């Protein structure tokens, strides 16, 4: 955990979040600026900068993060029509908070993968 990381502070309970799913080592909460009717962030409670760092340091935890993404999709009723799980990595990838997080988005047609 790092003191200056927004998501670490959410895990520590210092910043409120609307939690929709929690396990011993993952936390899922609603995005404050949703891009779809359902937009939930899924994070490991341990700090890892991005998905590559997490996969290198703890592949089993990376798998548990993905399992939590699937659990969130099911709880939110997204499995019938479909959904996306997005991990942005680095500045060019659109990562804004440098604590790995998956975006589970759905609830309407999402359109093309990229609009350039």
C-alpha atoms as a PDB file:
ATOM      1  CA  UNK A   1       0.000   0.000   0.000  1.00  0.00           C
ATOM      2  CA  UNK A   2       1.211   3.488  -0.806  1.00  0.00           C
ATOM      3  CA  UNK A   3       0.070   6.628   1.005  1.00  0.00           C
ATOM      4  CA  UNK A   4      -0.364   8.709  -2.150  1.00  0.00           C
ATOM      5  CA  UNK A   5      -2.383   6.113  -4.136  1.00  0.00           C
ATOM      6  CA  UNK A   6      -6.098   6.854  -4.454  1.00  0.00           C
ATOM      7  CA  UNK A   7      -7.062   3.193  -4.655  1.00  0.00           C
ATOM      8  CA  UNK A   8      -4.858   2.206  -1.710  1.00  0.00           C
ATOM      9  CA  UNK A   9      -6.657   4.878   0.294  1.00  0.00           C
ATOM     10  CA  UNK A  10     -10.023   3.414  -0.774  1.00  0.00           C
ATOM     11  CA  UNK A  11      -8.848  -0.049   0.342  1.00  0.00           C
ATOM     12  CA  UNK A  12      -7.773   1.466   3.687  1.00  0.00           C
ATOM     13  CA  UNK A  13     -11.220   3.048   4.148  1.00  0.00           C
ATOM     14  CA  UNK A  14      -9.843   6.597   4.050  1.00  0.00           C
ATOM     15  CA  UNK A  15     -11.867   7.492   0.953  1.00  0.00           C
ATOM     16  CA  UNK A  16     -15.459   6.260   0.571  1.00  0.00           C
ATOM     17  CA  UNK A  17     -16.515   4.081  -2.336  1.00  0.00           C
ATOM     18  CA  UNK A  18     -19.667   2.209  -3.295  1.00  0.00           C
ATOM     19  CA  UNK A  19     -18.446  -1.363  -2.928  1.00  0.00           C
ATOM     20  CA  UNK A  20     -20.267  -3.993  -4.988  1.00  0.00           C
ATOM     21  CA  UNK A  21     -17.977  -7.003  -4.412  1.00  0.00           C
ATOM     22  CA  UNK A  22     -15.153  -7.843  -2.037  1.00  0.00           C
ATOM     23  CA  UNK A  23     -12.913 -10.816  -1.390  1.00  0.00           C
ATOM     24  CA  UNK A  24      -9.939 -11.236   0.914  1.00  0.00           C
ATOM     25  CA  UNK A  25      -7.633  -9.716  -1.706  1.00  0.00           C
ATOM     26  CA  UNK A  26      -9.841  -7.827  -4.213  1.00  0.00           C
ATOM     27  CA  UNK A  27     -12.242  -4.906  -4.049  1.00  0.00           C
ATOM     28  CA  UNK A  28     -14.824  -3.826  -6.630  1.00  0.00           C
ATOM     29  CA  UNK A  29     -16.552  -0.446  -6.514  1.00  0.00           C
ATOM     30  CA  UNK A  30     -18.574   1.820  -8.787  1.00  0.00           C
ATOM     31  CA  UNK A  31     -16.646   4.280 -10.962  1.00  0.00           C
ATOM     32  CA  UNK A  32     -17.414   7.906 -10.015  1.00  0.00           C
ATOM     33  CA  UNK A  33     -17.493   8.896 -13.700  1.00  0.00           C
ATOM     34  CA  UNK A  34     -19.297   5.957 -15.335  1.00  0.00           C
ATOM     35  CA  UNK A  35     -19.001   5.479 -19.103  1.00  0.00           C
ATOM     36  CA  UNK A  36     -21.874   2.964 -19.264  1.00  0.00           C
ATOM     37  CA  UNK A  37     -24.913   2.062 -17.119  1.00  0.00           C
ATOM     38  CA  UNK A  38     -22.653  -0.410 -15.293  1.00  0.00           C
ATOM     39  CA  UNK A  39     -19.069   0.719 -14.709  1.00  0.00           C
ATOM     40  CA  UNK A  40     -17.305  -1.001 -11.835  1.00  0.00           C
ATOM     41  CA  UNK A  41     -13.584  -0.915 -11.030  1.00  0.00           C
ATOM     42  CA  UNK A  42     -11.991  -4.132  -9.775  1.00  0.00           C
ATOM     43  CA  UNK A  43      -8.643  -3.860  -7.980  1.00  0.00           C
ATOM     44  CA  UNK A  44      -6.308  -6.033  -5.985  1.00  0.00           C
ATOM     45  CA  UNK A  45      -6.041  -4.745  -2.430  1.00  0.00           C
ATOM     46  CA  UNK A  46      -2.253  -4.981  -2.720  1.00  0.00           C
ATOM     47  CA  UNK A  47      -0.639  -2.176  -4.698  1.00  0.00           C
ATOM     48  CA  UNK A  48       0.666  -3.069  -8.159  1.00  0.00           C
ATOM     49  CA  UNK A  49       1.193  -0.331 -10.739  1.00  0.00           C
ATOM     50  CA  UNK A  50      -0.454  -2.013 -13.718  1.00  0.00           C
ATOM     51  CA  UNK A  51      -1.600  -5.373 -15.063  1.00  0.00           C
ATOM     52  CA  UNK A  52       1.884  -6.278 -16.340  1.00  0.00           C
ATOM     53  CA  UNK A  53       3.433  -5.616 -12.931  1.00  0.00           C
ATOM     54  CA  UNK A  54       0.713  -7.639 -11.224  1.00  0.00           C
ATOM     55  CA  UNK A  55       1.070 -10.564 -13.629  1.00  0.00           C
ATOM     56  CA  UNK A  56       4.836 -10.627 -13.100  1.00  0.00           C
ATOM     57  CA  UNK A  57       4.688 -10.313  -9.312  1.00  0.00           C
ATOM     58  CA  UNK A  58       1.691 -12.503  -8.492  1.00  0.00           C
ATOM     59  CA  UNK A  59       0.016 -14.422 -11.336  1.00  0.00           C
ATOM     60  CA  UNK A  60      -2.380 -16.119  -8.915  1.00  0.00           C
ATOM     61  CA  UNK A  61      -3.618 -12.741  -7.669  1.00  0.00           C
ATOM     62  CA  UNK A  62      -4.047 -11.610 -11.281  1.00  0.00           C
ATOM     63  CA  UNK A  63      -6.314 -14.622 -11.761  1.00  0.00           C
ATOM     64  CA  UNK A  64      -8.314 -13.719  -8.661  1.00  0.00           C
ATOM     65  CA  UNK A  65      -8.772 -10.164  -9.986  1.00  0.00           C
ATOM     66  CA  UNK A  66     -10.183 -11.638 -13.213  1.00  0.00           C
ATOM     67  CA  UNK A  67     -12.442 -13.956 -11.197  1.00  0.00           C
ATOM     68  CA  UNK A  68     -13.730 -10.912  -9.301  1.00  0.00           C
ATOM     69  CA  UNK A  69     -14.404  -9.167 -12.635  1.00  0.00           C
ATOM     70  CA  UNK A  70     -16.518 -12.165 -13.677  1.00  0.00           C
ATOM     71  CA  UNK A  71     -18.337 -12.175 -10.330  1.00  0.00           C
ATOM     72  CA  UNK A  72     -19.135  -8.466 -10.698  1.00  0.00           C
ATOM     73  CA  UNK A  73     -20.473  -9.014 -14.237  1.00  0.00           C
ATOM     74  CA  UNK A  74     -22.751 -11.757 -12.952  1.00  0.00           C
ATOM     75  CA  UNK A  75     -23.953  -9.743  -9.933  1.00  0.00           C
ATOM     76  CA  UNK A  76     -24.668  -6.751 -12.190  1.00  0.00           C
ATOM     77  CA  UNK A  77     -26.687  -8.855 -14.662  1.00  0.00           C
ATOM     78  CA  UNK A  78     -24.277  -8.417 -17.578  1.00  0.00           C
ATOM     79  CA  UNK A  79     -23.598 -12.022 -18.541  1.00  0.00           C
ATOM     80  CA  UNK A  80     -26.595 -12.406 -20.874  1.00  0.00           C
ATOM     81  CA  UNK A  81     -25.975  -9.488 -23.217  1.00  0.00           C
ATOM     82  CA  UNK A  82     -22.228  -9.175 -22.722  1.00  0.00           C
ATOM     83  CA  UNK A  83     -19.754  -6.750 -21.209  1.00  0.00           C
ATOM     84  CA  UNK A  84     -16.141  -5.614 -21.390  1.00  0.00           C
ATOM     85  CA  UNK A  85     -13.258  -5.893 -18.967  1.00  0.00           C
ATOM     86  CA  UNK A  86     -10.650  -3.242 -19.745  1.00  0.00           C
ATOM     87  CA  UNK A  87      -7.200  -2.812 -18.190  1.00  0.00           C
ATOM     88  CA  UNK A  88      -5.554   0.446 -19.264  1.00  0.00           C
ATOM     89  CA  UNK A  89      -1.771   0.404 -18.941  1.00  0.00           C
ATOM     90  CA  UNK A  90       0.459   3.482 -19.044  1.00  0.00           C
ATOM     91  CA  UNK A  91      -0.231   6.963 -20.292  1.00  0.00           C
ATOM     92  CA  UNK A  92      -0.781   6.017 -23.944  1.00  0.00           C
ATOM     93  CA  UNK A  93      -3.150   3.275 -22.765  1.00  0.00           C
ATOM     94  CA  UNK A  94      -5.260   5.778 -20.860  1.00  0.00           C
ATOM     95  CA  UNK A  95      -4.281   4.736 -17.329  1.00  0.00           C
ATOM     96  CA  UNK A  96      -5.026   7.591 -14.926  1.00  0.00           C
ATOM     97  CA  UNK A  97      -4.602   5.896 -11.533  1.00  0.00           C
ATOM     98  CA  UNK A  98      -1.411   3.879 -11.312  1.00  0.00           C
ATOM     99  CA  UNK A  99      -2.833   1.027  -9.231  1.00  0.00           C
ATOM    100  CA  UNK A 100      -3.937  -1.803 -11.503  1.00  0.00           C
ATOM    101  CA  UNK A 101      -7.676  -1.825 -12.048  1.00  0.00           C
ATOM    102  CA  UNK A 102     -10.060  -3.545 -14.394  1.00  0.00           C
ATOM    103  CA  UNK A 103     -13.093  -1.677 -15.682  1.00  0.00           C
ATOM    104  CA  UNK A 104     -16.178  -3.912 -15.922  1.00  0.00           C
ATOM    105  CA  UNK A 105     -18.518  -2.029 -18.265  1.00  0.00           C
ATOM    106  CA  UNK A 106     -21.857  -2.931 -19.797  1.00  0.00           C
ATOM    107  CA  UNK A 107     -25.572  -2.469 -19.622  1.00  0.00           C
ATOM    108  CA  UNK A 108     -25.915  -1.160 -23.207  1.00  0.00           C
ATOM    109  CA  UNK A 109     -24.230  -1.748 -26.583  1.00  0.00           C
ATOM    110  CA  UNK A 110     -20.695  -0.438 -26.193  1.00  0.00           C
ATOM    111  CA  UNK A 111     -19.787   0.275 -29.811  1.00  0.00           C
ATOM    112  CA  UNK A 112     -16.357  -0.163 -31.369  1.00  0.00           C
ATOM    113  CA  UNK A 113     -13.310  -1.004 -29.285  1.00  0.00           C
ATOM    114  CA  UNK A 114     -11.537   2.207 -30.226  1.00  0.00           C
ATOM    115  CA  UNK A 115     -12.705   5.457 -31.681  1.00  0.00           C
ATOM    116  CA  UNK A 116      -9.754   7.219 -33.207  1.00  0.00           C
END
